[in-house]
Amino acid sequence: QVRLVESGGGVVQDGASLRLSCVTSGVPFSPKAMGWFRQAPGKEREFVATLNWHHGNRHYADSVNGRFTITRTYPGIQVDLRMDNLKPEDTGEYYCALSLSNPYSLGLEIADAYDYWGQGTQVTVSS
């Protein structure tokens, strides 16, 4: 059974940094990608960052580009999301996602490209 567990969320002030971690278990083979999405209260889930597992390519939402960094960590299939210069608009529940097959070759900024999701970790940035 594939499982993703996020950690590292918290309450911080404007301009602070946080590092989120996502640890997986039960993954049967190397994924195509891992990504991070977030959802603010009253809003739809949105793409944050993705990492192509085989090529190492990274892609970020425009709103976080230059401030957030997604990194593959070891051992196993794990990723971190380093978040610098946090802003109040970064507040939300952050979800880790795993793309194993992506049979329709959807863009990795699309939630449907991912097969498994974690339960989320809350990030709150106060002004």
Foldseek 3Di string as FASTA:
>chain_A
DKAKAKDWADEEAQFAKTKMKIDIPDDPDDFQKKFKWWDDPPGDIFGAKMAGRPPRDIDGDPVQPPFWDWDADDDDGMIMIIGGRDDQVVWGWMKMFTAHCQPVPDPPRDPVNTDDMHPTDTHGYHD
